[in-house]
Amino acid sequence: MLDIKRYIEHTQLSPKLSEHDINQLIQQARTHEFLGVCVPPFWVKKVKRELQDLDIQVVTVVGFPLGYQMTETKVFETEKAIKDGADEIDVVWSLSAYKSGMNWPKIELAKLSSLCHEQGNILKVIIETAYLSQQEIIEACKIGSDAGVDFIKTSTGYASSGAKEEDIQLMRSVLPSNVGIKASGGIKTYMQAKTMIAAGADRIGSSSGLSIIQEWEAEKII
């Protein structure tokens, strides 16, 4: 049976999140042993300290949620996040530069890939599929892959829509096998998560990680 907990990055990126919410996420991660937790940069140091004895990846975001910061800013954010203990970086690419026909997104991602890989960290790029046509999704996958990213991620969760099965299938059809896919945005149930994995997703980013796990556990009992 699918071990769903080893796909889930239990996520808490709400602008209203409090230390109580972070403590709750840490406890849920310890109890259920998610593959990872995704938290804002401000909370990385605390979360890493609390989870360092477990095989749980601490993930944070850079250039979030719109991606139009300067590359130097994203580099600094990435360096700081890694110093604070982040294992993986989810960066929002420069959609504005891409839509302008510039080569800059590839240059930026290559810089961040090198920075992460030098430290033994993983880089995922959020391409925000809600704002892309099918052809643009294909191009975004090629840009990320050529720049050396480890994963292409669908969404921030702040756009008009999130992960879609057909987008995951398209991404998997064009990406090389060494580049993973993180489906995120609007995934709230075990069935949705299972559908995304069947379509080709290697990771599931969700703020509903706990309820997904509970549904999975209930199905195991049945």
Protein backbone atom coordinates (compact mmCIF):
# COMPACT_ATOMS: atom_id res chain seq x y z
CA MET A 1 0.00 0.00 0.00
CA LEU A 2 1.13 3.56 -0.76
CA ASP A 3 3.00 5.08 2.22
CA ILE A 4 1.50 8.54 1.78
CA LYS A 5 3.34 10.12 4.72
CA ARG A 6 6.65 9.75 2.85
CA TYR A 7 5.31 11.97 0.06
CA ILE A 8 3.90 14.78 2.16
CA GLU A 9 5.53 18.09 2.95
CA HIS A 10 3.22 19.25 5.74
CA THR A 11 2.91 22.97 5.07
CA GLN A 12 2.15 26.05 7.14
CA LEU A 13 2.60 29.27 5.19
CA SER A 14 -0.42 31.24 6.36
CA PRO A 15 0.27 34.96 6.86
CA LYS A 16 -1.61 34.65 10.18
CA LEU A 17 0.40 31.76 11.52
CA SER A 18 1.50 31.98 15.14
CA GLU A 19 4.07 30.20 17.27
CA HIS A 20 1.24 27.99 18.51
CA ASP A 21 0.61 26.90 14.90
CA ILE A 22 4.33 26.16 14.43
CA ASN A 23 4.46 24.12 17.64
CA GLN A 24 1.43 22.19 16.50
CA LEU A 25 3.03 21.49 13.12
CA ILE A 26 6.22 20.30 14.83
CA GLN A 27 4.26 17.93 17.05
CA GLN A 28 2.26 16.58 14.11
CA ALA A 29 5.47 16.03 12.17
CA ARG A 30 7.04 14.14 15.08
CA THR A 31 3.93 11.99 15.49
CA HIS A 32 3.33 11.14 11.85
CA GLU A 33 6.86 11.35 10.40
CA PHE A 34 6.02 13.32 7.28
CA LEU A 35 8.71 13.45 4.62
CA GLY A 36 9.06 17.16 5.32
CA VAL A 37 7.58 20.33 6.72
CA CYS A 38 7.42 23.59 4.80
CA VAL A 39 7.51 26.77 6.87
CA PRO A 40 8.31 30.47 6.40
CA PRO A 41 11.98 31.50 6.67
CA PHE A 42 11.32 33.21 10.00
CA TRP A 43 10.56 29.85 11.63
CA VAL A 44 13.25 27.67 10.03
CA LYS A 45 15.76 27.86 12.88
CA LYS A 46 13.19 26.81 15.52
CA VAL A 47 11.73 24.01 13.41
CA LYS A 48 15.17 22.62 12.54
CA ARG A 49 16.17 22.67 16.20
CA GLU A 50 13.01 20.78 17.19
CA LEU A 51 13.19 18.17 14.39
CA GLN A 52 16.92 17.67 13.92
CA ASP A 53 16.84 14.21 15.52
CA LEU A 54 14.34 12.93 12.94
CA ASP A 55 14.49 12.13 9.22
CA ILE A 56 12.17 15.02 8.35
CA GLN A 57 13.22 17.60 5.77
CA VAL A 58 12.88 21.25 6.76
CA VAL A 59 11.70 23.16 3.70
CA THR A 60 11.30 26.90 3.32
CA VAL A 61 10.36 29.38 0.61
CA VAL A 62 12.35 32.06 -1.22
CA GLY A 63 10.94 34.88 -3.34
CA PHE A 64 7.54 33.95 -1.98
CA PRO A 65 4.81 34.26 -3.15
CA LEU A 66 5.24 36.34 -6.33
CA GLY A 67 8.85 35.73 -7.33
CA TYR A 68 9.69 39.16 -8.65
CA GLN A 69 12.41 40.03 -6.15
CA MET A 70 15.87 40.74 -7.49
CA THR A 71 18.14 37.72 -7.90
CA GLU A 72 20.55 39.13 -5.30
CA THR A 73 17.69 39.17 -2.79
CA LYS A 74 16.80 35.55 -3.55
CA VAL A 75 20.45 34.55 -3.20
CA PHE A 76 20.62 36.22 0.21
CA GLU A 77 17.35 34.61 1.31
CA THR A 78 18.65 31.21 0.22
CA GLU A 79 21.99 31.62 1.99
CA LYS A 80 20.24 32.72 5.18
CA ALA A 81 17.72 29.86 5.04
CA ILE A 82 20.47 27.28 4.59
CA LYS A 83 22.47 28.82 7.45
CA ASP A 84 19.38 28.61 9.67
CA GLY A 85 19.00 24.90 8.89
CA ALA A 86 16.78 24.55 5.83
CA ASP A 87 17.35 21.31 3.94
CA GLU A 88 15.33 22.30 0.89
CA ILE A 89 14.47 25.61 -0.80
CA ASP A 90 11.26 26.25 -2.75
CA VAL A 91 11.89 29.37 -4.84
CA VAL A 92 9.26 31.20 -6.85
CA TRP A 93 10.75 31.84 -10.26
CA SER A 94 10.63 35.22 -11.98
CA LEU A 95 7.37 34.78 -13.86
CA SER A 96 7.48 38.46 -14.80
CA ALA A 97 10.86 38.00 -16.52
CA TYR A 98 9.67 34.81 -18.21
CA LYS A 99 6.51 36.48 -19.54
CA SER A 100 8.76 39.26 -20.87
CA GLY A 101 10.71 36.75 -22.97
CA MET A 102 13.92 37.17 -21.00
CA ASN A 103 16.55 34.49 -20.41
CA TRP A 104 16.95 35.75 -16.83
CA PRO A 105 14.84 33.05 -15.11
CA LYS A 106 17.28 30.38 -16.30
CA ILE A 107 20.30 32.41 -15.17
CA GLU A 108 18.72 33.04 -11.78
CA LEU A 109 17.78 29.39 -11.24
CA ALA A 110 21.24 28.24 -12.28
CA LYS A 111 22.79 30.52 -9.65
CA LEU A 112 20.44 29.23 -6.96
CA SER A 113 20.95 25.60 -8.03
CA SER A 114 24.72 25.97 -7.70
CA LEU A 115 24.36 27.64 -4.32
CA CYS A 116 22.08 24.90 -2.98
CA HIS A 117 24.07 22.00 -4.39
CA GLU A 118 27.36 23.34 -3.03
CA GLN A 119 25.78 23.05 0.44
CA GLY A 120 24.14 19.68 -0.23
CA ASN A 121 20.66 21.19 -0.36
CA ILE A 122 17.74 20.62 -2.72
CA LEU A 123 16.20 23.33 -4.89
CA LYS A 124 12.62 23.30 -6.11
CA VAL A 125 11.24 25.96 -8.43
CA ILE A 126 7.61 27.05 -8.20
CA ILE A 127 6.40 27.88 -11.70
CA GLU A 128 2.78 28.77 -10.79
CA THR A 129 0.96 26.68 -13.38
CA ALA A 130 -2.27 28.66 -12.97
CA TYR A 131 -0.65 31.49 -14.93
CA LEU A 132 0.82 29.30 -17.70
CA SER A 133 -0.49 27.71 -20.88
CA GLN A 134 0.39 24.09 -21.62
CA GLN A 135 3.21 25.22 -23.91
CA GLU A 136 4.50 27.58 -21.23
CA ILE A 137 4.45 24.76 -18.67
CA ILE A 138 6.61 22.71 -21.05
CA GLU A 139 9.00 25.64 -21.50
CA ALA A 140 9.14 26.28 -17.74
CA CYS A 141 10.02 22.63 -17.12
CA LYS A 142 12.85 22.83 -19.66
CA ILE A 143 14.19 26.05 -18.17
CA GLY A 144 14.20 24.59 -14.67
CA SER A 145 15.70 21.30 -15.78
CA ASP A 146 18.44 22.99 -17.82
CA ALA A 147 19.23 25.25 -14.87
CA GLY A 148 19.81 22.24 -12.63
CA VAL A 149 16.85 22.38 -10.24
CA ASP A 150 15.89 19.19 -8.42
CA PHE A 151 12.11 19.59 -8.55
CA ILE A 152 9.51 21.56 -10.45
CA LYS A 153 6.67 22.62 -8.16
CA THR A 154 3.23 23.56 -9.46
CA SER A 155 1.98 26.31 -7.21
CA THR A 156 2.37 28.66 -4.27
CA GLY A 157 -1.21 28.13 -3.14
CA TYR A 158 -1.92 31.83 -3.62
CA ALA A 159 -2.93 31.80 -7.31
CA SER A 160 -6.41 31.25 -8.71
CA SER A 161 -5.87 27.48 -8.86
CA GLY A 162 -3.33 24.92 -7.70
CA ALA A 163 -2.14 21.50 -8.78
CA LYS A 164 -4.06 19.74 -11.56
CA GLU A 165 -3.74 16.13 -12.62
CA GLU A 166 -3.34 17.02 -16.29
CA ASP A 167 -0.55 19.49 -15.51
CA ILE A 168 1.34 16.87 -13.49
CA GLN A 169 1.00 14.38 -16.35
CA LEU A 170 2.28 16.98 -18.83
CA MET A 171 5.22 17.89 -16.62
CA ARG A 172 6.19 14.26 -16.10
CA SER A 173 6.06 13.63 -19.85
CA VAL A 174 8.65 16.31 -20.58
CA LEU A 175 10.91 16.27 -17.51
CA PRO A 176 13.94 13.97 -17.28
CA SER A 177 13.73 11.25 -14.64
CA ASN A 178 16.23 13.01 -12.36
CA VAL A 179 13.92 16.02 -11.92
CA GLY A 180 11.06 15.44 -9.51
CA ILE A 181 7.63 17.03 -9.35
CA LYS A 182 6.05 18.62 -6.30
CA ALA A 183 2.28 18.99 -6.55
CA SER A 184 0.93 21.73 -4.34
CA GLY A 185 -2.04 24.04 -4.09
CA GLY A 186 -5.55 22.85 -3.23
CA ILE A 187 -4.64 19.28 -2.27
CA LYS A 188 -6.80 18.61 0.77
CA THR A 189 -7.74 14.91 0.66
CA TYR A 190 -6.00 11.56 0.46
CA MET A 191 -7.78 10.83 -2.83
CA GLN A 192 -6.45 14.05 -4.36
CA ALA A 193 -2.94 13.26 -3.15
CA LYS A 194 -3.13 9.72 -4.48
CA THR A 195 -4.33 11.04 -7.86
CA MET A 196 -1.39 13.44 -8.08
CA ILE A 197 1.09 10.69 -7.24
CA ALA A 198 -0.44 8.40 -9.86
CA ALA A 199 -0.09 11.25 -12.39
CA GLY A 200 3.63 11.51 -11.66
CA ALA A 201 4.13 13.66 -8.54
CA ASP A 202 7.02 12.73 -6.25
CA ARG A 203 6.05 15.14 -3.47
CA ILE A 204 2.79 16.54 -2.14
CA GLY A 205 2.78 19.98 -0.54
CA SER A 206 -0.31 20.53 1.58
CA SER A 207 -1.51 22.40 4.64
CA SER A 208 -3.95 19.51 5.05
CA GLY A 209 -1.20 16.95 5.65
CA LEU A 210 -2.72 15.82 8.94
CA SER A 211 -6.17 15.09 7.51
CA ILE A 212 -4.62 13.35 4.48
CA ILE A 213 -2.67 11.08 6.83
CA GLN A 214 -5.79 10.39 8.91
CA GLU A 215 -7.76 9.41 5.79
CA TRP A 216 -4.90 7.14 4.70
CA GLU A 217 -4.75 5.48 8.11
CA ALA A 218 -8.51 4.95 8.11
CA GLU A 219 -8.31 3.27 4.69
CA LYS A 220 -5.57 0.96 5.97
CA ILE A 221 -7.85 -0.21 8.80
CA ILE A 222 -10.68 -0.94 6.36
